[in-house]
Protein backbone atom coordinates (compact mmCIF):
# COMPACT_ATOMS: atom_id res chain seq x y z
CA MET A 1 -112.60 -189.54 -49.36
CA ILE A 2 -113.31 -186.07 -50.77
CA ILE A 3 -112.30 -183.00 -48.77
CA GLU A 4 -112.77 -179.25 -49.17
CA VAL A 5 -109.73 -177.03 -48.63
CA VAL A 6 -109.29 -173.27 -48.30
CA VAL A 7 -105.71 -172.26 -49.07
CA LYS A 8 -103.77 -169.24 -47.81
CA THR A 9 -100.63 -168.88 -49.91
CA ASN A 10 -97.45 -166.94 -49.17
CA SER A 11 -98.15 -167.14 -45.43
CA GLY A 12 -94.66 -167.86 -44.10
CA ARG A 13 -95.76 -171.11 -42.44
CA ARG A 14 -96.81 -174.56 -43.58
CA GLU A 15 -99.76 -175.84 -41.56
CA ILE A 16 -103.05 -177.74 -41.85
CA GLU A 17 -106.02 -176.78 -39.64
CA LYS A 18 -108.90 -179.24 -39.50
CA ILE A 19 -112.20 -177.35 -39.42
CA SER A 20 -114.51 -180.37 -39.65
CA GLU A 21 -114.37 -183.97 -40.87
CA ASN A 22 -114.11 -182.97 -44.55
CA ARG A 23 -113.03 -179.31 -44.38
CA PHE A 24 -109.53 -177.96 -43.89
CA LYS A 25 -107.73 -174.62 -43.91
CA VAL A 26 -104.16 -174.79 -45.16
CA PHE A 27 -101.33 -172.26 -44.88
CA LEU A 28 -98.58 -172.55 -47.50
CA LYS A 29 -95.22 -170.83 -47.86
CA SER A 30 -95.30 -170.96 -51.66
CA GLU A 31 -96.73 -168.30 -53.94
CA PRO A 32 -99.39 -169.31 -56.49
CA ILE A 33 -96.95 -168.95 -59.40
CA ASN A 34 -96.06 -171.80 -61.79
CA ASN A 35 -98.33 -174.17 -59.81
CA ASN A 36 -95.92 -174.08 -56.83
CA ALA A 37 -98.66 -173.67 -54.20
CA ASN A 38 -100.66 -176.62 -55.58
CA LYS A 39 -97.56 -178.82 -55.57
CA GLU A 40 -96.84 -177.87 -51.96
CA LEU A 41 -100.49 -178.51 -51.02
CA ILE A 42 -100.46 -182.01 -52.52
CA LYS A 43 -97.17 -182.88 -50.82
CA LEU A 44 -98.45 -181.58 -47.47
CA PHE A 45 -101.63 -183.69 -47.67
CA ARG A 46 -99.68 -186.78 -48.77
CA ASP A 47 -97.58 -186.44 -45.63
CA TYR A 48 -100.64 -185.71 -43.47
CA PHE A 49 -102.82 -188.64 -44.62
CA LYS A 50 -100.00 -191.02 -45.66
CA LYS A 51 -102.03 -191.76 -48.83
CA ASP A 52 -102.10 -190.71 -52.48
CA VAL A 53 -103.79 -187.34 -53.13
CA LYS A 54 -105.26 -185.72 -56.24
CA LEU A 55 -106.44 -182.16 -56.78
CA ILE A 56 -109.88 -182.48 -58.42
CA ARG A 57 -111.14 -178.89 -58.56
CA GLY A 58 -109.75 -175.43 -57.85
CA LEU A 59 -106.47 -175.38 -59.75
CA LYS A 60 -106.54 -171.56 -59.88
CA ASN A 61 -108.76 -170.89 -56.88
CA LYS A 62 -108.25 -170.64 -53.09
CA LYS A 63 -111.11 -173.11 -52.55
CA LYS A 64 -110.11 -176.58 -53.67
CA ILE A 65 -111.56 -180.08 -53.75
CA ILE A 66 -109.10 -182.89 -53.05
CA LYS A 67 -109.54 -186.64 -53.30
CA ILE A 68 -107.71 -188.87 -50.82
CA PHE A 69 -107.27 -192.42 -52.16
CA ASP A 70 -107.49 -195.46 -49.90
């Protein structure tokens, strides 16, 4: 499954909001320095879906494409 994610970093909370079937808005506590926000994002989605997750596109962007493996 491929999903689109909009990320809000340095927000003070860690939360996933489902907008539609394949679109999410994510709030992260980490700052986008040294890839910390991306690492937190991947961990959050692994916990959410209970599956392996890979960041496909958007390494340095707030809009990201993530693949969820079955």
